[in-house]
Amino acid sequence: GGWRMTMFMRRKDENKPVELRGYLRNGNTTLSETWSYILPPG
């Protein structure tokens, strides 16, 4: 077994990149490092 993170988002402007960040947490306990990604214009 393992953990999975899923994100759903809508762009405000298709011509600008979007910065995504996330991490896994259980209550006040952080379970993972911070994940960062730049979604290019699309």
N, C-alpha and C. Protein backbone atom coordinates (compact mmCIF):
# COMPACT_ATOMS: atom_id res chain seq x y z
N GLY A 1 0.82 -1.19 0.00
CA GLY A 1 0.00 0.00 0.00
C GLY A 1 0.86 1.24 0.00
N GLY A 2 0.25 2.32 -0.36
CA GLY A 2 0.96 3.59 -0.39
C GLY A 2 -0.03 4.74 -0.42
N TRP A 3 0.51 5.91 -0.56
CA TRP A 3 -0.28 7.13 -0.58
C TRP A 3 -0.32 7.68 -2.00
N ARG A 4 -1.39 8.38 -2.32
CA ARG A 4 -1.52 9.03 -3.62
C ARG A 4 -2.18 10.38 -3.42
N MET A 5 -1.72 11.37 -4.18
CA MET A 5 -2.31 12.69 -4.13
C MET A 5 -2.84 13.01 -5.52
N THR A 6 -4.07 13.52 -5.58
CA THR A 6 -4.68 13.92 -6.84
C THR A 6 -5.12 15.37 -6.72
N MET A 7 -4.88 16.15 -7.78
CA MET A 7 -5.30 17.55 -7.80
C MET A 7 -6.19 17.80 -9.00
N PHE A 8 -7.23 18.58 -8.79
CA PHE A 8 -8.08 19.06 -9.87
C PHE A 8 -8.04 20.58 -9.80
N MET A 9 -7.86 21.22 -10.94
CA MET A 9 -7.80 22.68 -10.96
C MET A 9 -8.32 23.21 -12.28
N ARG A 10 -8.69 24.48 -12.24
CA ARG A 10 -9.08 25.20 -13.45
C ARG A 10 -8.18 26.41 -13.58
N ARG A 11 -7.73 26.64 -14.78
CA ARG A 11 -6.87 27.80 -15.02
C ARG A 11 -7.72 29.07 -15.12
N LYS A 12 -7.19 30.15 -14.57
CA LYS A 12 -7.82 31.46 -14.75
C LYS A 12 -7.41 32.05 -16.09
N ASP A 13 -6.17 31.74 -16.50
CA ASP A 13 -5.63 32.27 -17.76
C ASP A 13 -4.82 31.18 -18.44
N GLU A 14 -5.28 30.70 -19.59
CA GLU A 14 -4.61 29.62 -20.32
C GLU A 14 -3.21 30.00 -20.81
N ASN A 15 -2.91 31.30 -20.82
CA ASN A 15 -1.63 31.77 -21.34
C ASN A 15 -0.56 31.93 -20.27
N LYS A 16 -0.90 31.62 -19.02
CA LYS A 16 0.07 31.74 -17.92
C LYS A 16 0.32 30.37 -17.30
N PRO A 17 1.55 30.14 -16.83
CA PRO A 17 1.82 28.88 -16.13
C PRO A 17 1.13 28.86 -14.77
N VAL A 18 0.96 27.68 -14.22
CA VAL A 18 0.34 27.51 -12.90
C VAL A 18 1.35 26.81 -12.00
N GLU A 19 1.55 27.35 -10.80
CA GLU A 19 2.44 26.72 -9.82
C GLU A 19 1.60 25.82 -8.91
N LEU A 20 1.95 24.54 -8.87
CA LEU A 20 1.26 23.57 -8.02
C LEU A 20 2.19 23.14 -6.90
N ARG A 21 1.67 23.04 -5.69
CA ARG A 21 2.44 22.54 -4.54
C ARG A 21 1.52 21.67 -3.70
N GLY A 22 2.10 20.65 -3.13
CA GLY A 22 1.31 19.78 -2.27
C GLY A 22 2.20 18.90 -1.41
N TYR A 23 1.61 18.35 -0.36
CA TYR A 23 2.31 17.40 0.49
C TYR A 23 1.26 16.56 1.19
N LEU A 24 1.67 15.43 1.71
CA LEU A 24 0.76 14.54 2.43
C LEU A 24 0.88 14.79 3.92
N ARG A 25 -0.27 14.83 4.58
CA ARG A 25 -0.32 15.10 6.01
C ARG A 25 -1.40 14.24 6.64
N ASN A 26 -1.16 13.79 7.86
CA ASN A 26 -2.15 13.07 8.65
C ASN A 26 -2.33 13.84 9.94
N GLY A 27 -3.41 14.60 10.04
CA GLY A 27 -3.59 15.48 11.19
C GLY A 27 -2.51 16.55 11.16
N ASN A 28 -1.73 16.64 12.23
CA ASN A 28 -0.63 17.62 12.29
C ASN A 28 0.71 17.02 11.88
N THR A 29 0.72 15.76 11.46
CA THR A 29 1.97 15.08 11.11
C THR A 29 2.19 15.11 9.60
N THR A 30 3.29 15.72 9.17
CA THR A 30 3.64 15.74 7.75
C THR A 30 4.23 14.39 7.38
N LEU A 31 3.71 13.79 6.30
CA LEU A 31 4.13 12.45 5.89
C LEU A 31 5.07 12.45 4.69
N SER A 32 5.22 13.58 4.02
CA SER A 32 6.05 13.60 2.81
C SER A 32 6.76 14.94 2.68
N GLU A 33 7.67 14.98 1.74
CA GLU A 33 8.28 16.26 1.38
C GLU A 33 7.27 17.06 0.57
N THR A 34 7.53 18.34 0.37
CA THR A 34 6.66 19.18 -0.45
C THR A 34 6.95 18.92 -1.91
N TRP A 35 5.90 18.69 -2.66
CA TRP A 35 5.98 18.43 -4.09
C TRP A 35 5.65 19.73 -4.81
N SER A 36 6.48 20.13 -5.78
CA SER A 36 6.27 21.36 -6.54
C SER A 36 6.35 21.07 -8.02
N TYR A 37 5.50 21.73 -8.80
CA TYR A 37 5.50 21.55 -10.25
C TYR A 37 4.96 22.81 -10.90
N ILE A 38 5.56 23.21 -11.99
CA ILE A 38 5.04 24.31 -12.80
C ILE A 38 4.34 23.70 -14.00
N LEU A 39 3.04 23.94 -14.12
CA LEU A 39 2.27 23.47 -15.26
C LEU A 39 2.36 24.55 -16.33
N PRO A 40 3.00 24.26 -17.47
CA PRO A 40 3.19 25.29 -18.49
C PRO A 40 1.87 25.77 -19.09
N PRO A 41 1.88 26.92 -19.74
CA PRO A 41 0.65 27.40 -20.40
C PRO A 41 0.12 26.32 -21.34
N GLY A 42 -1.20 26.28 -21.42
CA GLY A 42 -1.71 25.19 -22.21
C GLY A 42 -2.93 25.44 -22.96
